[in-house]
Every structure is written in structure tokens, then in C-alpha cells.
PDB file of all heavy atoms in Angstrom:
ATOM      1  N   LEU A   1     -79.679 -28.904-181.236  1.00  0.00           N
ATOM      2  CA  LEU A   1     -79.935 -28.169-180.043  1.00  0.00           C
ATOM      3  C   LEU A   1     -79.858 -26.592-180.324  1.00  0.00           C
ATOM      4  O   LEU A   1     -78.957 -26.119-181.101  1.00  0.00           O
ATOM      5  CB  LEU A   1     -78.881 -28.366-178.947  1.00  0.00           C
ATOM      6  CG  LEU A   1     -78.722 -29.806-178.459  1.00  0.00           C
ATOM      7  CD1 LEU A   1     -77.747 -29.942-177.397  1.00  0.00           C
ATOM      8  CD2 LEU A   1     -80.017 -30.242-177.924  1.00  0.00           C
ATOM      9  N   CYS A   2     -80.906 -25.944-179.958  1.00  0.00           N
ATOM     10  CA  CYS A   2     -81.008 -24.517-180.288  1.00  0.00           C
ATOM     11  C   CYS A   2     -80.271 -23.686-179.263  1.00  0.00           C
ATOM     12  O   CYS A   2     -80.795 -23.171-178.354  1.00  0.00           O
ATOM     13  CB  CYS A   2     -82.421 -24.072-180.375  1.00  0.00           C
ATOM     14  SG  CYS A   2     -82.548 -22.270-180.877  1.00  0.00           S
ATOM     15  N   THR A   3     -78.867 -23.536-179.482  1.00  0.00           N
ATOM     16  CA  THR A   3     -78.097 -22.700-178.519  1.00  0.00           C
ATOM     17  C   THR A   3     -77.304 -21.667-179.444  1.00  0.00           C
ATOM     18  O   THR A   3     -76.312 -21.126-178.946  1.00  0.00           O
ATOM     19  CB  THR A   3     -77.188 -23.536-177.732  1.00  0.00           C
ATOM     20  OG1 THR A   3     -76.436 -24.317-178.641  1.00  0.00           O
ATOM     21  CG2 THR A   3     -77.959 -24.609-176.885  1.00  0.00           C
ATOM     22  N   ALA A   4     -77.723 -21.390-180.623  1.00  0.00           N
ATOM     23  CA  ALA A   4     -77.013 -20.559-181.615  1.00  0.00           C
ATOM     24  C   ALA A   4     -77.217 -19.175-181.331  1.00  0.00           C
ATOM     25  O   ALA A   4     -78.330 -18.731-180.840  1.00  0.00           O
ATOM     26  CB  ALA A   4     -77.287 -21.015-183.000  1.00  0.00           C
ATOM     27  N   GLN A   5     -76.301 -18.378-181.814  1.00  0.00           N
ATOM     28  CA  GLN A   5     -76.619 -16.941-181.770  1.00  0.00           C
ATOM     29  C   GLN A   5     -76.766 -16.289-183.172  1.00  0.00           C
ATOM     30  O   GLN A   5     -77.100 -15.210-183.310  1.00  0.00           O
ATOM     31  CB  GLN A   5     -75.316 -16.216-181.210  1.00  0.00           C
ATOM     32  CG  GLN A   5     -75.099 -16.505-179.672  1.00  0.00           C
ATOM     33  CD  GLN A   5     -73.828 -15.860-179.086  1.00  0.00           C
ATOM     34  OE1 GLN A   5     -73.062 -15.260-179.791  1.00  0.00           O
ATOM     35  NE2 GLN A   5     -73.733 -15.943-177.823  1.00  0.00           N
ATOM     36  N   GLU A   6     -76.547 -17.240-184.102  1.00  0.00           N
ATOM     37  CA  GLU A   6     -76.940 -16.897-185.534  1.00  0.00           C
ATOM     38  C   GLU A   6     -77.181 -18.286-186.232  1.00  0.00           C
ATOM     39  O   GLU A   6     -76.979 -19.262-185.676  1.00  0.00           O
ATOM     40  CB  GLU A   6     -75.768 -16.347-186.185  1.00  0.00           C
ATOM     41  CG  GLU A   6     -74.546 -17.082-186.344  1.00  0.00           C
ATOM     42  CD  GLU A   6     -73.373 -16.241-186.974  1.00  0.00           C
ATOM     43  OE1 GLU A   6     -72.825 -15.336-186.266  1.00  0.00           O
ATOM     44  OE2 GLU A   6     -72.965 -16.590-188.127  1.00  0.00           O
ATOM     45  N   PRO A   7     -77.977 -18.129-187.395  1.00  0.00           N
ATOM     46  CA  PRO A   7     -78.448 -19.417-187.922  1.00  0.00           C
ATOM     47  C   PRO A   7     -77.466 -20.321-188.463  1.00  0.00           C
ATOM     48  O   PRO A   7     -76.517 -19.901-188.937  1.00  0.00           O
ATOM     49  CB  PRO A   7     -79.506 -18.918-189.015  1.00  0.00           C
ATOM     50  CG  PRO A   7     -78.903 -17.553-189.359  1.00  0.00           C
ATOM     51  CD  PRO A   7     -78.410 -16.991-188.079  1.00  0.00           C
ATOM     52  N   ILE A   8     -77.710 -21.559-188.425  1.00  0.00           N
ATOM     53  CA  ILE A   8     -76.993 -22.659-189.098  1.00  0.00           C
ATOM     54  C   ILE A   8     -77.625 -22.607-190.501  1.00  0.00           C
ATOM     55  O   ILE A   8     -78.908 -22.979-190.587  1.00  0.00           O
ATOM     56  CB  ILE A   8     -77.165 -23.972-188.386  1.00  0.00           C
ATOM     57  CG1 ILE A   8     -76.467 -23.932-187.095  1.00  0.00           C
ATOM     58  CG2 ILE A   8     -76.425 -24.975-189.350  1.00  0.00           C
ATOM     59  CD1 ILE A   8     -76.724 -25.179-186.252  1.00  0.00           C
ATOM     60  N   ARG A   9     -76.970 -22.484-191.541  1.00  0.00           N
ATOM     61  CA  ARG A   9     -77.531 -22.130-192.791  1.00  0.00           C
ATOM     62  C   ARG A   9     -78.045 -23.362-193.573  1.00  0.00           C
ATOM     63  O   ARG A   9     -79.048 -23.342-194.168  1.00  0.00           O
ATOM     64  CB  ARG A   9     -76.474 -21.416-193.755  1.00  0.00           C
ATOM     65  CG  ARG A   9     -76.241 -19.931-193.134  1.00  0.00           C
ATOM     66  CD  ARG A   9     -75.437 -19.191-194.072  1.00  0.00           C
ATOM     67  NE  ARG A   9     -75.276 -17.839-193.563  1.00  0.00           N
ATOM     68  CZ  ARG A   9     -74.206 -17.475-192.740  1.00  0.00           C
ATOM     69  NH1 ARG A   9     -73.323 -18.446-192.379  1.00  0.00           N
ATOM     70  NH2 ARG A   9     -74.150 -16.216-192.272  1.00  0.00           N
ATOM     71  N   PHE A  10     -77.286 -24.519-193.414  1.00  0.00           N
ATOM     72  CA  PHE A  10     -77.740 -25.640-193.975  1.00  0.00           C
ATOM     73  C   PHE A  10     -77.114 -26.872-193.363  1.00  0.00           C
ATOM     74  O   PHE A  10     -76.004 -26.793-192.787  1.00  0.00           O
ATOM     75  CB  PHE A  10     -77.619 -25.651-195.555  1.00  0.00           C
ATOM     76  CG  PHE A  10     -76.443 -25.104-195.993  1.00  0.00           C
ATOM     77  CD1 PHE A  10     -75.080 -25.856-195.879  1.00  0.00           C
ATOM     78  CD2 PHE A  10     -76.234 -23.957-196.660  1.00  0.00           C
ATOM     79  CE1 PHE A  10     -73.967 -25.458-196.327  1.00  0.00           C
ATOM     80  CE2 PHE A  10     -75.055 -23.376-197.010  1.00  0.00           C
ATOM     81  CZ  PHE A  10     -73.918 -24.192-196.934  1.00  0.00           C
ATOM     82  N   CYS A  11     -77.723 -28.061-193.619  1.00  0.00           N
ATOM     83  CA  CYS A  11     -77.105 -29.298-193.098  1.00  0.00           C
ATOM     84  C   CYS A  11     -77.233 -30.468-194.095  1.00  0.00           C
ATOM     85  O   CYS A  11     -78.014 -30.306-195.018  1.00  0.00           O
ATOM     86  CB  CYS A  11     -77.805 -29.771-191.752  1.00  0.00           C
ATOM     87  SG  CYS A  11     -79.559 -30.026-191.942  1.00  0.00           S
ATOM     88  N   GLN A  12     -76.461 -31.531-193.782  1.00  0.00           N
ATOM     89  CA  GLN A  12     -76.383 -32.529-194.717  1.00  0.00           C
ATOM     90  C   GLN A  12     -76.127 -33.884-193.935  1.00  0.00           C
ATOM     91  O   GLN A  12     -75.425 -33.893-192.973  1.00  0.00           O
ATOM     92  CB  GLN A  12     -75.240 -32.323-195.791  1.00  0.00           C
ATOM     93  CG  GLN A  12     -74.950 -33.523-196.679  1.00  0.00           C
ATOM     94  CD  GLN A  12     -73.656 -33.394-197.422  1.00  0.00           C
ATOM     95  OE1 GLN A  12     -72.825 -32.563-196.986  1.00  0.00           O
ATOM     96  NE2 GLN A  12     -73.500 -34.098-198.433  1.00  0.00           N
ATOM     97  N   ILE A  13     -76.641 -35.018-194.463  1.00  0.00           N
ATOM     98  CA  ILE A  13     -76.419 -36.277-193.926  1.00  0.00           C
ATOM     99  C   ILE A  13     -75.381 -36.926-194.785  1.00  0.00           C
ATOM    100  O   ILE A  13     -75.545 -37.036-195.974  1.00  0.00           O
ATOM    101  CB  ILE A  13     -77.688 -37.205-193.793  1.00  0.00           C
ATOM    102  CG1 ILE A  13     -78.685 -36.436-192.979  1.00  0.00           C
ATOM    103  CG2 ILE A  13     -77.239 -38.516-193.266  1.00  0.00           C
ATOM    104  CD1 ILE A  13     -78.294 -36.332-191.505  1.00  0.00           C
ATOM    105  N   LYS A  14     -74.277 -37.376-194.247  1.00  0.00           N
ATOM    106  CA  LYS A  14     -73.231 -37.980-195.114  1.00  0.00           C
ATOM    107  C   LYS A  14     -73.790 -39.352-195.581  1.00  0.00           C
ATOM    108  O   LYS A  14     -74.288 -40.185-194.858  1.00  0.00           O
ATOM    109  CB  LYS A  14     -71.991 -38.290-194.265  1.00  0.00           C
ATOM    110  CG  LYS A  14     -71.238 -37.022-193.948  1.00  0.00           C
ATOM    111  CD  LYS A  14     -69.790 -37.306-193.308  1.00  0.00           C
ATOM    112  CE  LYS A  14     -68.968 -38.040-194.372  1.00  0.00           C
ATOM    113  NZ  LYS A  14     -67.520 -38.128-193.842  1.00  0.00           N
ATOM    114  N   LYS A  15     -73.644 -39.595-196.952  1.00  0.00           N
ATOM    115  CA  LYS A  15     -74.324 -40.749-197.494  1.00  0.00           C
ATOM    116  C   LYS A  15     -73.382 -42.054-197.247  1.00  0.00           C
ATOM    117  O   LYS A  15     -73.944 -43.127-197.341  1.00  0.00           O
ATOM    118  CB  LYS A  15     -74.372 -40.540-199.011  1.00  0.00           C
ATOM    119  CG  LYS A  15     -75.142 -39.314-199.359  1.00  0.00           C
ATOM    120  CD  LYS A  15     -76.565 -39.323-198.769  1.00  0.00           C
ATOM    121  CE  LYS A  15     -77.367 -38.055-199.202  1.00  0.00           C
ATOM    122  NZ  LYS A  15     -78.688 -38.052-198.548  1.00  0.00           N
ATOM    123  N   ASP A  16     -72.012 -41.850-197.089  1.00  0.00           N
ATOM    124  CA  ASP A  16     -71.190 -43.054-196.880  1.00  0.00           C
ATOM    125  C   ASP A  16     -70.934 -43.457-195.529  1.00  0.00           C
ATOM    126  O   ASP A  16     -70.067 -44.292-195.206  1.00  0.00           O
ATOM    127  CB  ASP A  16     -69.838 -42.832-197.668  1.00  0.00           C
ATOM    128  CG  ASP A  16     -69.156 -41.425-197.086  1.00  0.00           C
ATOM    129  OD1 ASP A  16     -69.867 -40.712-196.369  1.00  0.00           O
ATOM    130  OD2 ASP A  16     -67.962 -41.372-197.337  1.00  0.00           O
ATOM    131  N   ALA A  17     -71.630 -42.795-194.533  1.00  0.00           N
ATOM    132  CA  ALA A  17     -71.296 -43.101-193.113  1.00  0.00           C
ATOM    133  C   ALA A  17     -71.980 -44.397-192.704  1.00  0.00           C
ATOM    134  O   ALA A  17     -73.095 -44.705-193.182  1.00  0.00           O
ATOM    135  CB  ALA A  17     -71.839 -41.934-192.329  1.00  0.00           C
ATOM    136  N   PRO A  18     -71.451 -45.090-191.799  1.00  0.00           N
ATOM    137  CA  PRO A  18     -72.068 -46.394-191.251  1.00  0.00           C
ATOM    138  C   PRO A  18     -73.328 -46.138-190.464  1.00  0.00           C
ATOM    139  O   PRO A  18     -74.085 -46.977-190.179  1.00  0.00           O
ATOM    140  CB  PRO A  18     -70.945 -46.911-190.392  1.00  0.00           C
ATOM    141  CG  PRO A  18     -70.175 -45.826-190.019  1.00  0.00           C
ATOM    142  CD  PRO A  18     -70.157 -44.872-191.032  1.00  0.00           C
ATOM    143  N   ALA A  19     -73.451 -44.896-190.042  1.00  0.00           N
ATOM    144  CA  ALA A  19     -74.728 -44.449-189.300  1.00  0.00           C
ATOM    145  C   ALA A  19     -74.937 -42.993-189.605  1.00  0.00           C
ATOM    146  O   ALA A  19     -74.172 -42.242-190.203  1.00  0.00           O
ATOM    147  CB  ALA A  19     -74.624 -44.632-187.855  1.00  0.00           C
ATOM    148  N   ALA A  20     -76.010 -42.463-189.210  1.00  0.00           N
ATOM    149  CA  ALA A  20     -76.302 -40.973-189.505  1.00  0.00           C
ATOM    150  C   ALA A  20     -75.426 -40.063-188.802  1.00  0.00           C
ATOM    151  O   ALA A  20     -75.153 -40.191-187.553  1.00  0.00           O
ATOM    152  CB  ALA A  20     -77.822 -40.684-188.968  1.00  0.00           C
ATOM    153  N   ILE A  21     -74.724 -39.258-189.604  1.00  0.00           N
ATOM    154  CA  ILE A  21     -73.818 -38.350-189.108  1.00  0.00           C
ATOM    155  C   ILE A  21     -74.149 -36.961-189.753  1.00  0.00           C
ATOM    156  O   ILE A  21     -74.392 -36.828-190.855  1.00  0.00           O
ATOM    157  CB  ILE A  21     -72.409 -38.620-189.560  1.00  0.00           C
ATOM    158  CG1 ILE A  21     -72.085 -40.093-188.910  1.00  0.00           C
ATOM    159  CG2 ILE A  21     -71.345 -37.700-188.970  1.00  0.00           C
ATOM    160  CD1 ILE A  21     -70.660 -40.568-189.465  1.00  0.00           C
ATOM    161  N   VAL A  22     -74.120 -35.895-188.853  1.00  0.00           N
ATOM    162  CA  VAL A  22     -74.427 -34.640-189.395  1.00  0.00           C
ATOM    163  C   VAL A  22     -73.113 -33.903-189.855  1.00  0.00           C
ATOM    164  O   VAL A  22     -72.213 -33.831-189.058  1.00  0.00           O
ATOM    165  CB  VAL A  22     -75.057 -33.729-188.341  1.00  0.00           C
ATOM    166  CG1 VAL A  22     -75.300 -32.320-188.795  1.00  0.00           C
ATOM    167  CG2 VAL A  22     -76.461 -34.369-187.937  1.00  0.00           C
ATOM    168  N   THR A  23     -73.107 -33.422-191.039  1.00  0.00           N
ATOM    169  CA  THR A  23     -72.042 -32.556-191.535  1.00  0.00           C
ATOM    170  C   THR A  23     -72.555 -31.098-191.605  1.00  0.00           C
ATOM    171  O   THR A  23     -73.408 -30.929-192.416  1.00  0.00           O
ATOM    172  CB  THR A  23     -71.527 -32.992-192.966  1.00  0.00           C
ATOM    173  OG1 THR A  23     -71.085 -34.373-192.733  1.00  0.00           O
ATOM    174  CG2 THR A  23     -70.390 -32.179-193.352  1.00  0.00           C
ATOM    175  N   VAL A  24     -72.113 -30.292-190.737  1.00  0.00           N
ATOM    176  CA  VAL A  24     -72.567 -28.965-190.743  1.00  0.00           C
ATOM    177  C   VAL A  24     -71.675 -28.026-191.596  1.00  0.00           C
ATOM    178  O   VAL A  24     -70.470 -28.036-191.355  1.00  0.00           O
ATOM    179  CB  VAL A  24     -72.665 -28.415-189.372  1.00  0.00           C
ATOM    180  CG1 VAL A  24     -73.018 -26.915-189.361  1.00  0.00           C
ATOM    181  CG2 VAL A  24     -73.495 -29.240-188.499  1.00  0.00           C
ATOM    182  N   GLN A  25     -72.242 -27.465-192.617  1.00  0.00           N
ATOM    183  CA  GLN A  25     -71.425 -26.512-193.406  1.00  0.00           C
ATOM    184  C   GLN A  25     -72.094 -24.993-193.390  1.00  0.00           C
ATOM    185  O   GLN A  25     -73.259 -24.894-193.629  1.00  0.00           O
ATOM    186  CB  GLN A  25     -71.440 -26.916-195.006  1.00  0.00           C
ATOM    187  CG  GLN A  25     -70.919 -28.312-195.106  1.00  0.00           C
ATOM    188  CD  GLN A  25     -70.867 -28.740-196.570  1.00  0.00           C
ATOM    189  OE1 GLN A  25     -71.475 -28.071-197.273  1.00  0.00           O
ATOM    190  NE2 GLN A  25     -70.289 -29.866-196.894  1.00  0.00           N
ATOM    191  N   GLY A  26     -71.314 -24.094-192.828  1.00  0.00           N
ATOM    192  CA  GLY A  26     -71.873 -22.793-192.669  1.00  0.00           C
ATOM    193  C   GLY A  26     -71.492 -22.260-191.329  1.00  0.00           C
ATOM    194  O   GLY A  26     -70.428 -22.624-190.735  1.00  0.00           O
ATOM    195  N   SER A  27     -72.376 -21.563-190.640  1.00  0.00           N
ATOM    196  CA  SER A  27     -72.014 -20.877-189.536  1.00  0.00           C
ATOM    197  C   SER A  27     -72.504 -21.749-188.251  1.00  0.00           C
ATOM    198  O   SER A  27     -73.543 -21.649-187.820  1.00  0.00           O
ATOM    199  CB  SER A  27     -72.723 -19.526-189.384  1.00  0.00           C
ATOM    200  OG  SER A  27     -72.425 -18.958-188.053  1.00  0.00           O
ATOM    201  N   CYS A  28     -71.719 -22.695-187.851  1.00  0.00           N
ATOM    202  CA  CYS A  28     -72.117 -23.603-186.752  1.00  0.00           C
ATOM    203  C   CYS A  28     -71.799 -23.043-185.409  1.00  0.00           C
ATOM    204  O   CYS A  28     -70.677 -23.167-184.908  1.00  0.00           O
ATOM    205  CB  CYS A  28     -71.306 -24.836-186.873  1.00  0.00           C
ATOM    206  SG  CYS A  28     -71.808 -26.115-185.756  1.00  0.00           S
ATOM    207  N   MET A  29     -72.763 -22.268-184.884  1.00  0.00           N
ATOM    208  CA  MET A  29     -72.569 -21.584-183.590  1.00  0.00           C
ATOM    209  C   MET A  29     -73.287 -22.364-182.531  1.00  0.00           C
ATOM    210  O   MET A  29     -73.265 -21.977-181.358  1.00  0.00           O
ATOM    211  CB  MET A  29     -73.076 -20.179-183.633  1.00  0.00           C
ATOM    212  CG  MET A  29     -72.386 -19.326-184.587  1.00  0.00           C
ATOM    213  SD  MET A  29     -70.671 -19.200-184.260  1.00  0.00           S
ATOM    214  CE  MET A  29     -70.722 -18.133-182.853  1.00  0.00           C
ATOM    215  N   GLY A  30     -73.987 -23.361-182.744  1.00  0.00           N
ATOM    216  CA  GLY A  30     -74.685 -24.167-181.794  1.00  0.00           C
ATOM    217  C   GLY A  30     -74.132 -25.410-181.461  1.00  0.00           C
ATOM    218  O   GLY A  30     -72.877 -25.697-181.739  1.00  0.00           O
ATOM    219  N   ALA A  31     -74.825 -26.334-180.977  1.00  0.00           N
ATOM    220  CA  ALA A  31     -74.211 -27.685-180.632  1.00  0.00           C
ATOM    221  C   ALA A  31     -75.174 -28.811-181.080  1.00  0.00           C
ATOM    222  O   ALA A  31     -76.429 -28.660-180.931  1.00  0.00           O
ATOM    223  CB  ALA A  31     -74.098 -27.741-179.049  1.00  0.00           C
ATOM    224  N   ALA A  32     -74.567 -29.853-181.520  1.00  0.00           N
ATOM    225  CA  ALA A  32     -75.398 -30.984-182.016  1.00  0.00           C
ATOM    226  C   ALA A  32     -74.998 -32.229-181.348  1.00  0.00           C
ATOM    227  O   ALA A  32     -73.725 -32.458-181.471  1.00  0.00           O
ATOM    228  CB  ALA A  32     -75.473 -31.102-183.566  1.00  0.00           C
ATOM    229  N   ARG A  33     -75.722 -33.027-180.804  1.00  0.00           N
ATOM    230  CA  ARG A  33     -75.344 -34.316-180.303  1.00  0.00           C
ATOM    231  C   ARG A  33     -76.128 -35.355-180.824  1.00  0.00           C
ATOM    232  O   ARG A  33     -77.408 -35.441-180.726  1.00  0.00           O
ATOM    233  CB  ARG A  33     -75.414 -34.322-178.731  1.00  0.00           C
ATOM    234  CG  ARG A  33     -74.497 -33.426-177.978  1.00  0.00           C
ATOM    235  CD  ARG A  33     -74.602 -33.524-176.591  1.00  0.00           C
ATOM    236  NE  ARG A  33     -73.676 -32.580-175.904  1.00  0.00           N
ATOM    237  CZ  ARG A  33     -73.571 -32.512-174.594  1.00  0.00           C
ATOM    238  NH1 ARG A  33     -74.180 -33.268-173.791  1.00  0.00           N
ATOM    239  NH2 ARG A  33     -72.754 -31.588-174.112  1.00  0.00           N
TER     240      ARG A  33
END
């Protein structure tokens, strides 16, 4: 969801998760559902 005031720099999908899960590393100023 684009509600950030500054960019989310990068994202990653966890490889060991039972389903797709977003791991945000960096400036997480927005919201993801």
C-alpha cells in the first residue's frame, strides 16, 4: 500500500515460510497487508 512518506528501499520473500510473507528491511513507513 502506498502510504509512505519516504521510500521502502527493498523487500524480500522469506524462503522458509509456509506461505508468502513479506520481510521489509529498510525504512518501512507504509503499510502492507
